[in-house]
């Protein structure tokens, strides 16, 4: 089972200059707990809900950009990695999510500890795009193995 089959593909991101109260409002309205911070198409950090709660306690109503609060160089996982590897990264690093990067190091998704728990409990199935790709690959493999060999020999009537 690969990370790309279970990750969330539509990832809400924020810019480093986003004010932390705005980031908290986004999390609250979307019911999420982590936001990747991107600059252009490059992942530069990640911010968790608990980071924003600590910031609120420390900064109050001051306008502070998330780049002063975020975790730089977040632990990431490749989209082709096995789920077991993702789970190990979450446990070893005591973190709640992993940004998922393509081979070109572009953010393509996110996988959370909740996703891993749901997979383990059998409550989360492969995402539709991943299922479609898997079915297509299986269908192509099946066609290759079930092709009838061309008839050879003497033409009819001779």
Foldseek 3Di string as FASTA:
>chain_A
DFQLQQFAQDAAAAEQQQWLVVVLVVCVVVVHFKHFYDDPQATFFMDGNVLSVVCCVVPPPDGDGCNVRTDGPDAAEERGDDVVVVVCVCVVVVDFKHFYAYPVRGGRGMDGPVSVVCVVVVNGGTDPVVVVVVVVVVVVVVCVVPDDDDDDDDDPPD
